[in-house]
Amino acid sequence: MKRYGYGDGQHEIWLCYKCGKFVGSAGGDAFFTTLAKKQPEVILTMIQEKILTPITAKKHGTDRRNKTFGR
């Protein structure tokens, strides 16, 4: 499974477009965690609106895939 990373500095999402599974880290933001669990389609909207931008090693250091929520 290939996951693509998106983040905004506090939140990170690792998404597999093929199967739809995702994991992420909310950076301590309980509202974001609840939103991602109950309405995961909001994540795609945030990516489309460029609220969450692609994570690159250059931009964010090393790739981090620590799971605090997901499916």
PDB file of N, CA and C in Angstrom:
ATOM      1  N   MET A   1       0.843  -1.160   0.000  1.00  0.00           N
ATOM      2  CA  MET A   1       0.000   0.000   0.000  1.00  0.00           C
ATOM      3  C   MET A   1       0.899   1.236   0.000  1.00  0.00           C
ATOM      4  N   LYS A   2       0.677   2.114  -0.973  1.00  0.00           N
ATOM      5  CA  LYS A   2       1.445   3.351  -1.050  1.00  0.00           C
ATOM      6  C   LYS A   2       0.611   4.484  -0.477  1.00  0.00           C
ATOM      7  N   ARG A   3       1.153   5.140   0.534  1.00  0.00           N
ATOM      8  CA  ARG A   3       0.445   6.250   1.164  1.00  0.00           C
ATOM      9  C   ARG A   3       1.109   7.566   0.794  1.00  0.00           C
ATOM     10  N   TYR A   4       0.269   8.560   0.591  1.00  0.00           N
ATOM     11  CA  TYR A   4       0.730   9.902   0.269  1.00  0.00           C
ATOM     12  C   TYR A   4       0.475  10.791   1.481  1.00  0.00           C
ATOM     13  N   GLY A   5       1.474  11.561   1.870  1.00  0.00           N
ATOM     14  CA  GLY A   5       1.383  12.387   3.064  1.00  0.00           C
ATOM     15  C   GLY A   5       0.957  13.811   2.764  1.00  0.00           C
ATOM     16  N   TYR A   6       0.102  14.331   3.652  1.00  0.00           N
ATOM     17  CA  TYR A   6      -0.360  15.715   3.572  1.00  0.00           C
ATOM     18  C   TYR A   6      -0.331  16.295   4.978  1.00  0.00           C
ATOM     19  N   GLY A   7      -0.027  17.576   5.086  1.00  0.00           N
ATOM     20  CA  GLY A   7       0.007  18.199   6.404  1.00  0.00           C
ATOM     21  C   GLY A   7      -0.143  19.702   6.322  1.00  0.00           C
ATOM     22  N   ASP A   8      -0.298  20.298   7.495  1.00  0.00           N
ATOM     23  CA  ASP A   8      -0.403  21.756   7.584  1.00  0.00           C
ATOM     24  C   ASP A   8       0.505  22.334   8.665  1.00  0.00           C
ATOM     25  N   GLY A   9       1.456  21.555   9.112  1.00  0.00           N
ATOM     26  CA  GLY A   9       2.351  22.012  10.167  1.00  0.00           C
ATOM     27  C   GLY A   9       1.997  21.419  11.521  1.00  0.00           C
ATOM     28  N   GLN A  10       0.721  21.214  11.776  1.00  0.00           N
ATOM     29  CA  GLN A  10       0.277  20.586  13.026  1.00  0.00           C
ATOM     30  C   GLN A  10      -0.298  19.198  12.759  1.00  0.00           C
ATOM     31  N   HIS A  11      -1.100  19.061  11.709  1.00  0.00           N
ATOM     32  CA  HIS A  11      -1.780  17.810  11.388  1.00  0.00           C
ATOM     33  C   HIS A  11      -1.063  17.109  10.244  1.00  0.00           C
ATOM     34  N   GLU A  12      -1.091  15.782  10.272  1.00  0.00           N
ATOM     35  CA  GLU A  12      -0.544  14.967   9.183  1.00  0.00           C
ATOM     36  C   GLU A  12      -1.522  13.859   8.842  1.00  0.00           C
ATOM     37  N   ILE A  13      -1.691  13.627   7.551  1.00  0.00           N
ATOM     38  CA  ILE A  13      -2.537  12.552   7.050  1.00  0.00           C
ATOM     39  C   ILE A  13      -1.719  11.756   6.043  1.00  0.00           C
ATOM     40  N   TRP A  14      -1.762  10.438   6.146  1.00  0.00           N
ATOM     41  CA  TRP A  14      -1.133   9.538   5.168  1.00  0.00           C
ATOM     42  C   TRP A  14      -2.255   8.735   4.543  1.00  0.00           C
ATOM     43  N   LEU A  15      -2.492   8.959   3.243  1.00  0.00           N
ATOM     44  CA  LEU A  15      -3.672   8.460   2.549  1.00  0.00           C
ATOM     45  C   LEU A  15      -3.288   7.520   1.409  1.00  0.00           C
ATOM     46  N   CYS A  16      -3.989   6.386   1.326  1.00  0.00           N
ATOM     47  CA  CYS A  16      -3.849   5.473   0.189  1.00  0.00           C
ATOM     48  C   CYS A  16      -5.039   5.734  -0.730  1.00  0.00           C
ATOM     49  N   TYR A  17      -4.767   6.273  -1.912  1.00  0.00           N
ATOM     50  CA  TYR A  17      -5.853   6.582  -2.845  1.00  0.00           C
ATOM     51  C   TYR A  17      -6.484   5.322  -3.429  1.00  0.00           C
ATOM     52  N   LYS A  18      -5.738   4.233  -3.484  1.00  0.00           N
ATOM     53  CA  LYS A  18      -6.253   2.996  -4.076  1.00  0.00           C
ATOM     54  C   LYS A  18      -7.327   2.349  -3.212  1.00  0.00           C
ATOM     55  N   CYS A  19      -7.067   2.244  -1.902  1.00  0.00           N
ATOM     56  CA  CYS A  19      -8.017   1.552  -1.019  1.00  0.00           C
ATOM     57  C   CYS A  19      -8.795   2.506  -0.107  1.00  0.00           C
ATOM     58  N   GLY A  20      -8.353   3.751   0.013  1.00  0.00           N
ATOM     59  CA  GLY A  20      -9.067   4.725   0.834  1.00  0.00           C
ATOM     60  C   GLY A  20      -8.671   4.742   2.297  1.00  0.00           C
ATOM     61  N   LYS A  21      -7.741   3.878   2.706  1.00  0.00           N
ATOM     62  CA  LYS A  21      -7.313   3.868   4.105  1.00  0.00           C
ATOM     63  C   LYS A  21      -6.408   5.056   4.388  1.00  0.00           C
ATOM     64  N   PHE A  22      -6.455   5.525   5.634  1.00  0.00           N
ATOM     65  CA  PHE A  22      -5.595   6.621   6.029  1.00  0.00           C
ATOM     66  C   PHE A  22      -5.209   6.495   7.490  1.00  0.00           C
ATOM     67  N   VAL A  23      -4.075   7.054   7.826  1.00  0.00           N
ATOM     68  CA  VAL A  23      -3.632   7.191   9.205  1.00  0.00           C
ATOM     69  C   VAL A  23      -3.140   8.624   9.346  1.00  0.00           C
ATOM     70  N   GLY A  24      -3.036   9.062  10.583  1.00  0.00           N
ATOM     71  CA  GLY A  24      -2.581  10.434  10.756  1.00  0.00           C
ATOM     72  C   GLY A  24      -2.240  10.783  12.178  1.00  0.00           C
ATOM     73  N   SER A  25      -1.777  11.996  12.311  1.00  0.00           N
ATOM     74  CA  SER A  25      -1.433  12.563  13.607  1.00  0.00           C
ATOM     75  C   SER A  25      -2.080  13.937  13.691  1.00  0.00           C
ATOM     76  N   ALA A  26      -2.824  14.172  14.753  1.00  0.00           N
ATOM     77  CA  ALA A  26      -3.556  15.431  14.894  1.00  0.00           C
ATOM     78  C   ALA A  26      -2.784  16.474  15.683  1.00  0.00           C
ATOM     79  N   GLY A  27      -1.611  16.144  16.161  1.00  0.00           N
ATOM     80  CA  GLY A  27      -0.823  17.115  16.904  1.00  0.00           C
ATOM     81  C   GLY A  27      -1.512  17.609  18.164  1.00  0.00           C
ATOM     82  N   GLY A  28      -2.309  16.753  18.791  1.00  0.00           N
ATOM     83  CA  GLY A  28      -3.000  17.127  20.026  1.00  0.00           C
ATOM     84  C   GLY A  28      -4.339  17.810  19.814  1.00  0.00           C
ATOM     85  N   ASP A  29      -4.783  17.940  18.575  1.00  0.00           N
ATOM     86  CA  ASP A  29      -6.042  18.610  18.245  1.00  0.00           C
ATOM     87  C   ASP A  29      -7.183  17.588  18.283  1.00  0.00           C
ATOM     88  N   ALA A  30      -7.908  17.548  19.386  1.00  0.00           N
ATOM     89  CA  ALA A  30      -8.980  16.560  19.566  1.00  0.00           C
ATOM     90  C   ALA A  30     -10.104  16.754  18.549  1.00  0.00           C
ATOM     91  N   PHE A  31     -10.412  17.997  18.193  1.00  0.00           N
ATOM     92  CA  PHE A  31     -11.465  18.258  17.212  1.00  0.00           C
ATOM     93  C   PHE A  31     -11.110  17.661  15.854  1.00  0.00           C
ATOM     94  N   PHE A  32      -9.861  17.828  15.420  1.00  0.00           N
ATOM     95  CA  PHE A  32      -9.428  17.289  14.130  1.00  0.00           C
ATOM     96  C   PHE A  32      -9.499  15.765  14.138  1.00  0.00           C
ATOM     97  N   THR A  33      -9.096  15.143  15.234  1.00  0.00           N
ATOM     98  CA  THR A  33      -9.162  13.683  15.354  1.00  0.00           C
ATOM     99  C   THR A  33     -10.596  13.197  15.220  1.00  0.00           C
ATOM    100  N   THR A  34     -11.516  13.831  15.932  1.00  0.00           N
ATOM    101  CA  THR A  34     -12.925  13.450  15.875  1.00  0.00           C
ATOM    102  C   THR A  34     -13.486  13.654  14.471  1.00  0.00           C
ATOM    103  N   LEU A  35     -13.150  14.774  13.857  1.00  0.00           N
ATOM    104  CA  LEU A  35     -13.618  15.070  12.512  1.00  0.00           C
ATOM    105  C   LEU A  35     -13.116  14.028  11.516  1.00  0.00           C
ATOM    106  N   ALA A  36     -11.855  13.664  11.595  1.00  0.00           N
ATOM    107  CA  ALA A  36     -11.277  12.677  10.675  1.00  0.00           C
ATOM    108  C   ALA A  36     -11.919  11.303  10.853  1.00  0.00           C
ATOM    109  N   LYS A  37     -12.256  10.950  12.083  1.00  0.00           N
ATOM    110  CA  LYS A  37     -12.871   9.644  12.342  1.00  0.00           C
ATOM    111  C   LYS A  37     -14.327   9.592  11.902  1.00  0.00           C
ATOM    112  N   LYS A  38     -15.086  10.668  12.149  1.00  0.00           N
ATOM    113  CA  LYS A  38     -16.523  10.652  11.891  1.00  0.00           C
ATOM    114  C   LYS A  38     -16.905  11.137  10.500  1.00  0.00           C
ATOM    115  N   GLN A  39     -16.087  12.009   9.905  1.00  0.00           N
ATOM    116  CA  GLN A  39     -16.371  12.540   8.570  1.00  0.00           C
ATOM    117  C   GLN A  39     -15.084  12.561   7.743  1.00  0.00           C
ATOM    118  N   PRO A  40     -14.572  11.384   7.368  1.00  0.00           N
ATOM    119  CA  PRO A  40     -13.288  11.332   6.668  1.00  0.00           C
ATOM    120  C   PRO A  40     -13.277  12.037   5.317  1.00  0.00           C
ATOM    121  N   GLU A  41     -14.453  12.266   4.724  1.00  0.00           N
ATOM    122  CA  GLU A  41     -14.488  12.972   3.443  1.00  0.00           C
ATOM    123  C   GLU A  41     -13.976  14.409   3.563  1.00  0.00           C
ATOM    124  N   VAL A  42     -13.996  14.944   4.777  1.00  0.00           N
ATOM    125  CA  VAL A  42     -13.480  16.301   5.012  1.00  0.00           C
ATOM    126  C   VAL A  42     -11.978  16.361   4.715  1.00  0.00           C
ATOM    127  N   ILE A  43     -11.285  15.252   4.915  1.00  0.00           N
ATOM    128  CA  ILE A  43      -9.847  15.214   4.631  1.00  0.00           C
ATOM    129  C   ILE A  43      -9.590  15.490   3.157  1.00  0.00           C
ATOM    130  N   LEU A  44     -10.365  14.856   2.265  1.00  0.00           N
ATOM    131  CA  LEU A  44     -10.197  15.095   0.838  1.00  0.00           C
ATOM    132  C   LEU A  44     -10.514  16.542   0.481  1.00  0.00           C
ATOM    133  N   THR A  45     -11.519  17.111   1.113  1.00  0.00           N
ATOM    134  CA  THR A  45     -11.846  18.515   0.879  1.00  0.00           C
ATOM    135  C   THR A  45     -10.691  19.417   1.307  1.00  0.00           C
ATOM    136  N   MET A  46     -10.088  19.115   2.448  1.00  0.00           N
ATOM    137  CA  MET A  46      -8.960  19.913   2.926  1.00  0.00           C
ATOM    138  C   MET A  46      -7.763  19.802   1.983  1.00  0.00           C
ATOM    139  N   ILE A  47      -7.572  18.638   1.369  1.00  0.00           N
ATOM    140  CA  ILE A  47      -6.492  18.465   0.390  1.00  0.00           C
ATOM    141  C   ILE A  47      -6.815  19.252  -0.877  1.00  0.00           C
ATOM    142  N   GLN A  48      -8.057  19.167  -1.362  1.00  0.00           N
ATOM    143  CA  GLN A  48      -8.459  19.883  -2.563  1.00  0.00           C
ATOM    144  C   GLN A  48      -8.367  21.396  -2.382  1.00  0.00           C
ATOM    145  N   GLU A  49      -8.684  21.884  -1.188  1.00  0.00           N
ATOM    146  CA  GLU A  49      -8.640  23.322  -0.902  1.00  0.00           C
ATOM    147  C   GLU A  49      -7.237  23.790  -0.525  1.00  0.00           C
ATOM    148  N   LYS A  50      -6.288  22.840  -0.538  1.00  0.00           N
ATOM    149  CA  LYS A  50      -4.883  23.101  -0.219  1.00  0.00           C
ATOM    150  C   LYS A  50      -4.659  23.583   1.223  1.00  0.00           C
ATOM    151  N   ILE A  51      -5.563  23.173   2.112  1.00  0.00           N
ATOM    152  CA  ILE A  51      -5.364  23.393   3.544  1.00  0.00           C
ATOM    153  C   ILE A  51      -4.312  22.407   4.028  1.00  0.00           C
ATOM    154  N   LEU A  52      -4.418  21.167   3.545  1.00  0.00           N
ATOM    155  CA  LEU A  52      -3.379  20.158   3.760  1.00  0.00           C
ATOM    156  C   LEU A  52      -2.576  20.065   2.478  1.00  0.00           C
ATOM    157  N   THR A  53      -1.268  20.225   2.566  1.00  0.00           N
ATOM    158  CA  THR A  53      -0.407  20.209   1.388  1.00  0.00           C
ATOM    159  C   THR A  53       0.511  18.992   1.437  1.00  0.00           C
ATOM    160  N   PRO A  54       1.020  18.563   0.284  1.00  0.00           N
ATOM    161  CA  PRO A  54       1.873  17.372   0.251  1.00  0.00           C
ATOM    162  C   PRO A  54       3.085  17.493   1.174  1.00  0.00           C
ATOM    163  N   ILE A  55       3.374  16.405   1.861  1.00  0.00           N
ATOM    164  CA  ILE A  55       4.539  16.344   2.737  1.00  0.00           C
ATOM    165  C   ILE A  55       5.720  15.864   1.904  1.00  0.00           C
ATOM    166  N   THR A  56       6.771  16.631   1.925  1.00  0.00           N
ATOM    167  CA  THR A  56       8.009  16.240   1.251  1.00  0.00           C
ATOM    168  C   THR A  56       9.126  16.256   2.278  1.00  0.00           C
ATOM    169  N   ALA A  57      10.139  15.454   2.050  1.00  0.00           N
ATOM    170  CA  ALA A  57      11.270  15.409   2.981  1.00  0.00           C
ATOM    171  C   ALA A  57      11.921  16.783   3.088  1.00  0.00           C
ATOM    172  N   LYS A  58      11.978  17.524   1.975  1.00  0.00           N
ATOM    173  CA  LYS A  58      12.583  18.852   1.974  1.00  0.00           C
ATOM    174  C   LYS A  58      11.795  19.826   2.850  1.00  0.00           C
ATOM    175  N   LYS A  59      10.479  19.728   2.792  1.00  0.00           N
ATOM    176  CA  LYS A  59       9.619  20.671   3.494  1.00  0.00           C
ATOM    177  C   LYS A  59       9.439  20.335   4.974  1.00  0.00           C
ATOM    178  N   HIS A  60       9.376  19.061   5.306  1.00  0.00           N
ATOM    179  CA  HIS A  60       9.017  18.653   6.666  1.00  0.00           C
ATOM    180  C   HIS A  60      10.060  17.756   7.332  1.00  0.00           C
ATOM    181  N   GLY A  61      11.251  17.673   6.808  1.00  0.00           N
ATOM    182  CA  GLY A  61      12.234  16.748   7.377  1.00  0.00           C
ATOM    183  C   GLY A  61      11.947  15.337   6.906  1.00  0.00           C
ATOM    184  N   THR A  62      12.088  14.373   7.780  1.00  0.00           N
ATOM    185  CA  THR A  62      11.852  12.982   7.388  1.00  0.00           C
ATOM    186  C   THR A  62      10.371  12.659   7.422  1.00  0.00           C
ATOM    187  N   ASP A  63       9.970  11.666   6.648  1.00  0.00           N
ATOM    188  CA  ASP A  63       8.572  11.241   6.641  1.00  0.00           C
ATOM    189  C   ASP A  63       8.239  10.588   7.974  1.00  0.00           C
ATOM    190  N   ARG A  64       7.146  11.044   8.573  1.00  0.00           N
ATOM    191  CA  ARG A  64       6.689  10.496   9.841  1.00  0.00           C
ATOM    192  C   ARG A  64       5.315   9.886   9.621  1.00  0.00           C
ATOM    193  N   ARG A  65       5.140   8.637  10.041  1.00  0.00           N
ATOM    194  CA  ARG A  65       3.859   7.957   9.833  1.00  0.00           C
ATOM    195  C   ARG A  65       3.314   7.424  11.156  1.00  0.00           C
ATOM    196  N   ASN A  66       3.405   8.219  12.192  1.00  0.00           N
ATOM    197  CA  ASN A  66       2.891   7.810  13.499  1.00  0.00           C
ATOM    198  C   ASN A  66       1.374   7.908  13.483  1.00  0.00           C
ATOM    199  N   LYS A  67       0.736   6.848  13.884  1.00  0.00           N
ATOM    200  CA  LYS A  67      -0.717   6.787  13.834  1.00  0.00           C
ATOM    201  C   LYS A  67      -1.329   7.202  15.167  1.00  0.00           C
ATOM    202  N   THR A  68      -2.204   8.217  15.137  1.00  0.00           N
ATOM    203  CA  THR A  68      -3.015   8.525  16.303  1.00  0.00           C
ATOM    204  C   THR A  68      -4.489   8.355  15.965  1.00  0.00           C
ATOM    205  N   PHE A  69      -4.821   8.238  14.686  1.00  0.00           N
ATOM    206  CA  PHE A  69      -6.166   7.916  14.248  1.00  0.00           C
ATOM    207  C   PHE A  69      -6.074   7.346  12.846  1.00  0.00           C
ATOM    208  N   GLY A  70      -7.179   6.846  12.342  1.00  0.00           N
ATOM    209  CA  GLY A  70      -7.186   6.323  10.975  1.00  0.00           C
ATOM    210  C   GLY A  70      -8.098   5.149  10.820  1.00  0.00           C
ATOM    211  N   ARG A  71      -8.073   4.607   9.611  1.00  0.00           N
ATOM    212  CA  ARG A  71      -8.882   3.417   9.334  1.00  0.00           C
ATOM    213  C   ARG A  71      -8.284   2.655   8.205  1.00  0.00           C
TER     214      ARG A  71
END
